[in-house]
Amino acid sequence: MSETTAAEAARKAVTWAHCAEDANKYAHEHEQQAREYATQRDSGNATAYASRAEEWVRLRGTAVDMANMWANVAGALQLAELSEHS
């Protein structure tokens, strides 16, 4: 099993942060589409888009949590790597 470096953990944090940004974008787009369908009294599509928006919001939350976790791991690994070299 290979060890994760601080740089690798930081890259994972960035990847998850990008995922959170994308999920946020898609959540807003689906919320907007749901509102548009609701104003047209198309409850079937409004409900479907609202449901998809909720899924994107949940994914955004998970992605934010993962980005924070990997950022914390990167910080801890950076400290460990610095202490190894001193």
PDB file of N, CA and C in Angstrom:
ATOM      1  N   MET A   1       0.843  -1.173   0.000  1.00  0.00           N
ATOM      2  CA  MET A   1       0.000   0.000   0.000  1.00  0.00           C
ATOM      3  C   MET A   1       0.893   1.242   0.000  1.00  0.00           C
ATOM      4  N   SER A   2       0.654   2.158  -0.911  1.00  0.00           N
ATOM      5  CA  SER A   2       1.486   3.345  -1.000  1.00  0.00           C
ATOM      6  C   SER A   2       0.978   4.423  -0.041  1.00  0.00           C
ATOM      7  N   GLU A   3       1.902   5.242   0.376  1.00  0.00           N
ATOM      8  CA  GLU A   3       1.555   6.335   1.277  1.00  0.00           C
ATOM      9  C   GLU A   3       1.146   7.560   0.472  1.00  0.00           C
ATOM     10  N   THR A   4       0.162   8.278   0.982  1.00  0.00           N
ATOM     11  CA  THR A   4      -0.294   9.508   0.340  1.00  0.00           C
ATOM     12  C   THR A   4       0.593  10.657   0.799  1.00  0.00           C
ATOM     13  N   THR A   5       1.026  11.477  -0.145  1.00  0.00           N
ATOM     14  CA  THR A   5       1.825  12.650   0.201  1.00  0.00           C
ATOM     15  C   THR A   5       0.901  13.849   0.417  1.00  0.00           C
ATOM     16  N   ALA A   6       1.462  14.887   0.999  1.00  0.00           N
ATOM     17  CA  ALA A   6       0.693  16.115   1.207  1.00  0.00           C
ATOM     18  C   ALA A   6       0.215  16.683  -0.126  1.00  0.00           C
ATOM     19  N   ALA A   7       1.061  16.624  -1.127  1.00  0.00           N
ATOM     20  CA  ALA A   7       0.693  17.160  -2.441  1.00  0.00           C
ATOM     21  C   ALA A   7      -0.462  16.365  -3.052  1.00  0.00           C
ATOM     22  N   GLU A   8      -0.417  15.042  -2.907  1.00  0.00           N
ATOM     23  CA  GLU A   8      -1.507  14.217  -3.432  1.00  0.00           C
ATOM     24  C   GLU A   8      -2.816  14.509  -2.703  1.00  0.00           C
ATOM     25  N   ALA A   9      -2.738  14.657  -1.398  1.00  0.00           N
ATOM     26  CA  ALA A   9      -3.941  14.972  -0.614  1.00  0.00           C
ATOM     27  C   ALA A   9      -4.488  16.339  -1.009  1.00  0.00           C
ATOM     28  N   ALA A  10      -3.600  17.290  -1.255  1.00  0.00           N
ATOM     29  CA  ALA A  10      -4.044  18.621  -1.676  1.00  0.00           C
ATOM     30  C   ALA A  10      -4.739  18.555  -3.034  1.00  0.00           C
ATOM     31  N   ARG A  11      -4.208  17.739  -3.946  1.00  0.00           N
ATOM     32  CA  ARG A  11      -4.852  17.580  -5.259  1.00  0.00           C
ATOM     33  C   ARG A  11      -6.241  16.959  -5.109  1.00  0.00           C
ATOM     34  N   LYS A  12      -6.374  16.002  -4.204  1.00  0.00           N
ATOM     35  CA  LYS A  12      -7.683  15.398  -3.966  1.00  0.00           C
ATOM     36  C   LYS A  12      -8.650  16.435  -3.396  1.00  0.00           C
ATOM     37  N   ALA A  13      -8.160  17.296  -2.523  1.00  0.00           N
ATOM     38  CA  ALA A  13      -9.005  18.361  -1.964  1.00  0.00           C
ATOM     39  C   ALA A  13      -9.500  19.281  -3.072  1.00  0.00           C
ATOM     40  N   VAL A  14      -8.614  19.628  -3.986  1.00  0.00           N
ATOM     41  CA  VAL A  14      -8.988  20.506  -5.103  1.00  0.00           C
ATOM     42  C   VAL A  14     -10.008  19.819  -6.004  1.00  0.00           C
ATOM     43  N   THR A  15      -9.807  18.548  -6.271  1.00  0.00           N
ATOM     44  CA  THR A  15     -10.742  17.800  -7.113  1.00  0.00           C
ATOM     45  C   THR A  15     -12.132  17.792  -6.480  1.00  0.00           C
ATOM     46  N   TRP A  16     -12.206  17.532  -5.180  1.00  0.00           N
ATOM     47  CA  TRP A  16     -13.501  17.538  -4.494  1.00  0.00           C
ATOM     48  C   TRP A  16     -14.109  18.935  -4.471  1.00  0.00           C
ATOM     49  N   ALA A  17     -13.270  19.959  -4.342  1.00  0.00           N
ATOM     50  CA  ALA A  17     -13.791  21.334  -4.353  1.00  0.00           C
ATOM     51  C   ALA A  17     -14.412  21.656  -5.714  1.00  0.00           C
ATOM     52  N   HIS A  18     -13.779  21.195  -6.782  1.00  0.00           N
ATOM     53  CA  HIS A  18     -14.352  21.395  -8.118  1.00  0.00           C
ATOM     54  C   HIS A  18     -15.676  20.660  -8.252  1.00  0.00           C
ATOM     55  N   CYS A  19     -15.748  19.466  -7.698  1.00  0.00           N
ATOM     56  CA  CYS A  19     -16.991  18.700  -7.726  1.00  0.00           C
ATOM     57  C   CYS A  19     -18.092  19.469  -6.982  1.00  0.00           C
ATOM     58  N   ALA A  20     -17.734  20.066  -5.844  1.00  0.00           N
ATOM     59  CA  ALA A  20     -18.713  20.848  -5.077  1.00  0.00           C
ATOM     60  C   ALA A  20     -19.196  22.051  -5.887  1.00  0.00           C
ATOM     61  N   GLU A  21     -18.282  22.709  -6.583  1.00  0.00           N
ATOM     62  CA  GLU A  21     -18.666  23.850  -7.419  1.00  0.00           C
ATOM     63  C   GLU A  21     -19.618  23.426  -8.529  1.00  0.00           C
ATOM     64  N   ASP A  22     -19.306  22.314  -9.171  1.00  0.00           N
ATOM     65  CA  ASP A  22     -20.172  21.812 -10.243  1.00  0.00           C
ATOM     66  C   ASP A  22     -21.544  21.437  -9.698  1.00  0.00           C
ATOM     67  N   ALA A  23     -21.568  20.751  -8.563  1.00  0.00           N
ATOM     68  CA  ALA A  23     -22.842  20.349  -7.960  1.00  0.00           C
ATOM     69  C   ALA A  23     -23.665  21.575  -7.588  1.00  0.00           C
ATOM     70  N   ASN A  24     -23.009  22.617  -7.090  1.00  0.00           N
ATOM     71  CA  ASN A  24     -23.714  23.850  -6.745  1.00  0.00           C
ATOM     72  C   ASN A  24     -24.344  24.471  -7.983  1.00  0.00           C
ATOM     73  N   LYS A  25     -23.589  24.492  -9.068  1.00  0.00           N
ATOM     74  CA  LYS A  25     -24.087  25.049 -10.336  1.00  0.00           C
ATOM     75  C   LYS A  25     -25.312  24.274 -10.815  1.00  0.00           C
ATOM     76  N   TYR A  26     -25.206  22.944 -10.815  1.00  0.00           N
ATOM     77  CA  TYR A  26     -26.309  22.120 -11.304  1.00  0.00           C
ATOM     78  C   TYR A  26     -27.523  22.192 -10.372  1.00  0.00           C
ATOM     79  N   ALA A  27     -27.280  22.309  -9.082  1.00  0.00           N
ATOM     80  CA  ALA A  27     -28.394  22.447  -8.135  1.00  0.00           C
ATOM     81  C   ALA A  27     -29.173  23.722  -8.431  1.00  0.00           C
ATOM     82  N   HIS A  28     -28.454  24.823  -8.647  1.00  0.00           N
ATOM     83  CA  HIS A  28     -29.130  26.092  -8.951  1.00  0.00           C
ATOM     84  C   HIS A  28     -29.874  26.024 -10.284  1.00  0.00           C
ATOM     85  N   GLU A  29     -29.248  25.393 -11.273  1.00  0.00           N
ATOM     86  CA  GLU A  29     -29.915  25.270 -12.572  1.00  0.00           C
ATOM     87  C   GLU A  29     -31.209  24.458 -12.456  1.00  0.00           C
ATOM     88  N   HIS A  30     -31.163  23.367 -11.705  1.00  0.00           N
ATOM     89  CA  HIS A  30     -32.355  22.531 -11.555  1.00  0.00           C
ATOM     90  C   HIS A  30     -33.422  23.230 -10.710  1.00  0.00           C
ATOM     91  N   GLU A  31     -32.996  23.991  -9.703  1.00  0.00           N
ATOM     92  CA  GLU A  31     -33.962  24.758  -8.913  1.00  0.00           C
ATOM     93  C   GLU A  31     -34.665  25.795  -9.784  1.00  0.00           C
ATOM     94  N   GLN A  32     -33.898  26.456 -10.634  1.00  0.00           N
ATOM     95  CA  GLN A  32     -34.471  27.453 -11.531  1.00  0.00           C
ATOM     96  C   GLN A  32     -35.446  26.795 -12.515  1.00  0.00           C
ATOM     97  N   GLN A  33     -35.056  25.664 -13.064  1.00  0.00           N
ATOM     98  CA  GLN A  33     -35.926  24.960 -14.001  1.00  0.00           C
ATOM     99  C   GLN A  33     -37.207  24.504 -13.297  1.00  0.00           C
ATOM    100  N   ALA A  34     -37.080  24.038 -12.066  1.00  0.00           N
ATOM    101  CA  ALA A  34     -38.262  23.611 -11.295  1.00  0.00           C
ATOM    102  C   ALA A  34     -39.218  24.784 -11.093  1.00  0.00           C
ATOM    103  N   ARG A  35     -38.655  25.958 -10.772  1.00  0.00           N
ATOM    104  CA  ARG A  35     -39.510  27.149 -10.595  1.00  0.00           C
ATOM    105  C   ARG A  35     -40.215  27.517 -11.893  1.00  0.00           C
ATOM    106  N   GLU A  36     -39.492  27.423 -13.013  1.00  0.00           N
ATOM    107  CA  GLU A  36     -40.102  27.752 -14.307  1.00  0.00           C
ATOM    108  C   GLU A  36     -41.254  26.797 -14.623  1.00  0.00           C
ATOM    109  N   TYR A  37     -41.050  25.510 -14.380  1.00  0.00           N
ATOM    110  CA  TYR A  37     -42.128  24.544 -14.618  1.00  0.00           C
ATOM    111  C   TYR A  37     -43.293  24.793 -13.663  1.00  0.00           C
ATOM    112  N   ALA A  38     -42.997  25.188 -12.438  1.00  0.00           N
ATOM    113  CA  ALA A  38     -44.066  25.453 -11.472  1.00  0.00           C
ATOM    114  C   ALA A  38     -44.914  26.643 -11.913  1.00  0.00           C
ATOM    115  N   THR A  39     -44.273  27.676 -12.480  1.00  0.00           N
ATOM    116  CA  THR A  39     -45.042  28.837 -12.946  1.00  0.00           C
ATOM    117  C   THR A  39     -45.898  28.477 -14.156  1.00  0.00           C
ATOM    118  N   GLN A  40     -45.482  27.438 -14.891  1.00  0.00           N
ATOM    119  CA  GLN A  40     -46.269  26.965 -16.032  1.00  0.00           C
ATOM    120  C   GLN A  40     -47.305  25.923 -15.606  1.00  0.00           C
ATOM    121  N   ARG A  41     -47.375  25.710 -14.309  1.00  0.00           N
ATOM    122  CA  ARG A  41     -48.312  24.722 -13.728  1.00  0.00           C
ATOM    123  C   ARG A  41     -48.059  23.307 -14.251  1.00  0.00           C
ATOM    124  N   ASP A  42     -46.800  23.015 -14.502  1.00  0.00           N
ATOM    125  CA  ASP A  42     -46.387  21.673 -14.928  1.00  0.00           C
ATOM    126  C   ASP A  42     -45.783  20.986 -13.702  1.00  0.00           C
ATOM    127  N   SER A  43     -46.657  20.490 -12.837  1.00  0.00           N
ATOM    128  CA  SER A  43     -46.199  19.968 -11.547  1.00  0.00           C
ATOM    129  C   SER A  43     -45.325  18.727 -11.684  1.00  0.00           C
ATOM    130  N   GLY A  44     -45.555  17.912 -12.708  1.00  0.00           N
ATOM    131  CA  GLY A  44     -44.732  16.716 -12.893  1.00  0.00           C
ATOM    132  C   GLY A  44     -43.273  17.053 -13.112  1.00  0.00           C
ATOM    133  N   ASN A  45     -43.020  17.942 -14.071  1.00  0.00           N
ATOM    134  CA  ASN A  45     -41.641  18.349 -14.339  1.00  0.00           C
ATOM    135  C   ASN A  45     -41.078  19.192 -13.203  1.00  0.00           C
ATOM    136  N   ALA A  46     -41.902  20.018 -12.581  1.00  0.00           N
ATOM    137  CA  ALA A  46     -41.436  20.832 -11.456  1.00  0.00           C
ATOM    138  C   ALA A  46     -40.948  19.933 -10.321  1.00  0.00           C
ATOM    139  N   THR A  47     -41.713  18.902 -10.034  1.00  0.00           N
ATOM    140  CA  THR A  47     -41.333  17.971  -8.970  1.00  0.00           C
ATOM    141  C   THR A  47     -40.057  17.218  -9.331  1.00  0.00           C
ATOM    142  N   ALA A  48     -39.962  16.780 -10.585  1.00  0.00           N
ATOM    143  CA  ALA A  48     -38.777  16.045 -11.027  1.00  0.00           C
ATOM    144  C   ALA A  48     -37.520  16.905 -10.925  1.00  0.00           C
ATOM    145  N   TYR A  49     -37.616  18.152 -11.379  1.00  0.00           N
ATOM    146  CA  TYR A  49     -36.444  19.025 -11.319  1.00  0.00           C
ATOM    147  C   TYR A  49     -36.108  19.412  -9.884  1.00  0.00           C
ATOM    148  N   ALA A  50     -37.116  19.586  -9.044  1.00  0.00           N
ATOM    149  CA  ALA A  50     -36.860  19.887  -7.631  1.00  0.00           C
ATOM    150  C   ALA A  50     -36.149  18.715  -6.961  1.00  0.00           C
ATOM    151  N   SER A  51     -36.566  17.510  -7.322  1.00  0.00           N
ATOM    152  CA  SER A  51     -35.933  16.313  -6.766  1.00  0.00           C
ATOM    153  C   SER A  51     -34.473  16.216  -7.198  1.00  0.00           C
ATOM    154  N   ARG A  52     -34.229  16.481  -8.460  1.00  0.00           N
ATOM    155  CA  ARG A  52     -32.842  16.456  -8.960  1.00  0.00           C
ATOM    156  C   ARG A  52     -32.004  17.541  -8.289  1.00  0.00           C
ATOM    157  N   ALA A  53     -32.610  18.696  -8.062  1.00  0.00           N
ATOM    158  CA  ALA A  53     -31.889  19.775  -7.372  1.00  0.00           C
ATOM    159  C   ALA A  53     -31.482  19.334  -5.976  1.00  0.00           C
ATOM    160  N   GLU A  54     -32.392  18.640  -5.277  1.00  0.00           N
ATOM    161  CA  GLU A  54     -32.076  18.148  -3.931  1.00  0.00           C
ATOM    162  C   GLU A  54     -30.930  17.147  -3.974  1.00  0.00           C
ATOM    163  N   GLU A  55     -30.899  16.311  -5.002  1.00  0.00           N
ATOM    164  CA  GLU A  55     -29.801  15.354  -5.147  1.00  0.00           C
ATOM    165  C   GLU A  55     -28.469  16.080  -5.341  1.00  0.00           C
ATOM    166  N   TRP A  56     -28.483  17.138  -6.152  1.00  0.00           N
ATOM    167  CA  TRP A  56     -27.264  17.914  -6.369  1.00  0.00           C
ATOM    168  C   TRP A  56     -26.830  18.621  -5.083  1.00  0.00           C
ATOM    169  N   VAL A  57     -27.795  19.088  -4.293  1.00  0.00           N
ATOM    170  CA  VAL A  57     -27.461  19.735  -3.021  1.00  0.00           C
ATOM    171  C   VAL A  57     -26.793  18.733  -2.085  1.00  0.00           C
ATOM    172  N   ARG A  58     -27.321  17.504  -2.043  1.00  0.00           N
ATOM    173  CA  ARG A  58     -26.703  16.472  -1.200  1.00  0.00           C
ATOM    174  C   ARG A  58     -25.290  16.157  -1.685  1.00  0.00           C
ATOM    175  N   LEU A  59     -25.120  16.036  -3.005  1.00  0.00           N
ATOM    176  CA  LEU A  59     -23.787  15.778  -3.543  1.00  0.00           C
ATOM    177  C   LEU A  59     -22.842  16.929  -3.210  1.00  0.00           C
ATOM    178  N   ARG A  60     -23.339  18.147  -3.298  1.00  0.00           N
ATOM    179  CA  ARG A  60     -22.514  19.309  -2.958  1.00  0.00           C
ATOM    180  C   ARG A  60     -22.035  19.212  -1.517  1.00  0.00           C
ATOM    181  N   GLY A  61     -22.931  18.841  -0.611  1.00  0.00           N
ATOM    182  CA  GLY A  61     -22.552  18.709   0.794  1.00  0.00           C
ATOM    183  C   GLY A  61     -21.484  17.649   1.003  1.00  0.00           C
ATOM    184  N   THR A  62     -21.650  16.524   0.335  1.00  0.00           N
ATOM    185  CA  THR A  62     -20.652  15.453   0.432  1.00  0.00           C
ATOM    186  C   THR A  62     -19.317  15.920  -0.131  1.00  0.00           C
ATOM    187  N   ALA A  63     -19.357  16.587  -1.264  1.00  0.00           N
ATOM    188  CA  ALA A  63     -18.126  17.058  -1.902  1.00  0.00           C
ATOM    189  C   ALA A  63     -17.408  18.089  -1.030  1.00  0.00           C
ATOM    190  N   VAL A  64     -18.159  18.971  -0.401  1.00  0.00           N
ATOM    191  CA  VAL A  64     -17.555  19.963   0.498  1.00  0.00           C
ATOM    192  C   VAL A  64     -16.897  19.252   1.679  1.00  0.00           C
ATOM    193  N   ASP A  65     -17.598  18.273   2.244  1.00  0.00           N
ATOM    194  CA  ASP A  65     -17.037  17.516   3.365  1.00  0.00           C
ATOM    195  C   ASP A  65     -15.745  16.807   2.952  1.00  0.00           C
ATOM    196  N   MET A  66     -15.757  16.190   1.783  1.00  0.00           N
ATOM    197  CA  MET A  66     -14.569  15.481   1.305  1.00  0.00           C
ATOM    198  C   MET A  66     -13.420  16.459   1.013  1.00  0.00           C
ATOM    199  N   ALA A  67     -13.728  17.597   0.432  1.00  0.00           N
ATOM    200  CA  ALA A  67     -12.688  18.599   0.158  1.00  0.00           C
ATOM    201  C   ALA A  67     -12.053  19.063   1.466  1.00  0.00           C
ATOM    202  N   ASN A  68     -12.884  19.321   2.468  1.00  0.00           N
ATOM    203  CA  ASN A  68     -12.356  19.747   3.767  1.00  0.00           C
ATOM    204  C   ASN A  68     -11.516  18.658   4.413  1.00  0.00           C
ATOM    205  N   MET A  69     -11.982  17.416   4.332  1.00  0.00           N
ATOM    206  CA  MET A  69     -11.232  16.317   4.920  1.00  0.00           C
ATOM    207  C   MET A  69      -9.855  16.187   4.270  1.00  0.00           C
ATOM    208  N   TRP A  70      -9.821  16.213   2.923  1.00  0.00           N
ATOM    209  CA  TRP A  70      -8.540  16.065   2.239  1.00  0.00           C
ATOM    210  C   TRP A  70      -7.631  17.273   2.475  1.00  0.00           C
ATOM    211  N   ALA A  71      -8.213  18.445   2.625  1.00  0.00           N
ATOM    212  CA  ALA A  71      -7.394  19.620   2.957  1.00  0.00           C
ATOM    213  C   ALA A  71      -6.769  19.453   4.338  1.00  0.00           C
ATOM    214  N   ASN A  72      -7.538  18.928   5.286  1.00  0.00           N
ATOM    215  CA  ASN A  72      -7.000  18.677   6.625  1.00  0.00           C
ATOM    216  C   ASN A  72      -5.914  17.606   6.585  1.00  0.00           C
ATOM    217  N   VAL A  73      -6.140  16.561   5.805  1.00  0.00           N
ATOM    218  CA  VAL A  73      -5.134  15.507   5.649  1.00  0.00           C
ATOM    219  C   VAL A  73      -3.862  16.100   5.041  1.00  0.00           C
ATOM    220  N   ALA A  74      -4.021  16.925   4.027  1.00  0.00           N
ATOM    221  CA  ALA A  74      -2.853  17.544   3.387  1.00  0.00           C
ATOM    222  C   ALA A  74      -2.070  18.382   4.389  1.00  0.00           C
ATOM    223  N   GLY A  75      -2.776  19.135   5.219  1.00  0.00           N
ATOM    224  CA  GLY A  75      -2.098  19.949   6.226  1.00  0.00           C
ATOM    225  C   GLY A  75      -1.333  19.097   7.231  1.00  0.00           C
ATOM    226  N   ALA A  76      -1.973  18.023   7.690  1.00  0.00           N
ATOM    227  CA  ALA A  76      -1.311  17.139   8.648  1.00  0.00           C
ATOM    228  C   ALA A  76      -0.103  16.455   8.014  1.00  0.00           C
ATOM    229  N   LEU A  77      -0.257  16.004   6.777  1.00  0.00           N
ATOM    230  CA  LEU A  77       0.863  15.363   6.100  1.00  0.00           C
ATOM    231  C   LEU A  77       2.002  16.338   5.837  1.00  0.00           C
ATOM    232  N   GLN A  78       1.655  17.573   5.526  1.00  0.00           N
ATOM    233  CA  GLN A  78       2.689  18.589   5.305  1.00  0.00           C
ATOM    234  C   GLN A  78       3.495  18.796   6.584  1.00  0.00           C
ATOM    235  N   LEU A  79       2.813  18.872   7.723  1.00  0.00           N
ATOM    236  CA  LEU A  79       3.523  19.018   8.991  1.00  0.00           C
ATOM    237  C   LEU A  79       4.423  17.813   9.260  1.00  0.00           C
ATOM    238  N   ALA A  80       3.889  16.617   8.979  1.00  0.00           N
ATOM    239  CA  ALA A  80       4.693  15.407   9.185  1.00  0.00           C
ATOM    240  C   ALA A  80       5.904  15.391   8.265  1.00  0.00           C
ATOM    241  N   GLU A  81       5.700  15.782   7.010  1.00  0.00           N
ATOM    242  CA  GLU A  81       6.822  15.797   6.064  1.00  0.00           C
ATOM    243  C   GLU A  81       7.883  16.821   6.465  1.00  0.00           C
ATOM    244  N   LEU A  82       7.428  17.956   6.962  1.00  0.00           N
ATOM    245  CA  LEU A  82       8.393  18.981   7.409  1.00  0.00           C
ATOM    246  C   LEU A  82       9.156  18.515   8.629  1.00  0.00           C
ATOM    247  N   SER A  83       8.492  17.822   9.536  1.00  0.00           N
ATOM    248  CA  SER A  83       9.190  17.360  10.744  1.00  0.00           C
ATOM    249  C   SER A  83      10.181  16.249  10.422  1.00  0.00           C
ATOM    250  N   GLU A  84       9.914  15.463   9.359  1.00  0.00           N
ATOM    251  CA  GLU A  84      10.842  14.425   8.953  1.00  0.00           C
ATOM    252  C   GLU A  84      12.144  15.026   8.423  1.00  0.00           C
ATOM    253  N   HIS A  85      12.052  16.202   7.822  1.00  0.00           N
ATOM    254  CA  HIS A  85      13.226  16.825   7.211  1.00  0.00           C
ATOM    255  C   HIS A  85      13.992  17.727   8.177  1.00  0.00           C
ATOM    256  N   SER A  86      13.493  17.862   9.389  1.00  0.00           N
ATOM    257  CA  SER A  86      14.208  18.752  10.324  1.00  0.00           C
ATOM    258  C   SER A  86      14.940  17.971  11.383  1.00  0.00           C
TER     259      SER A  86
END
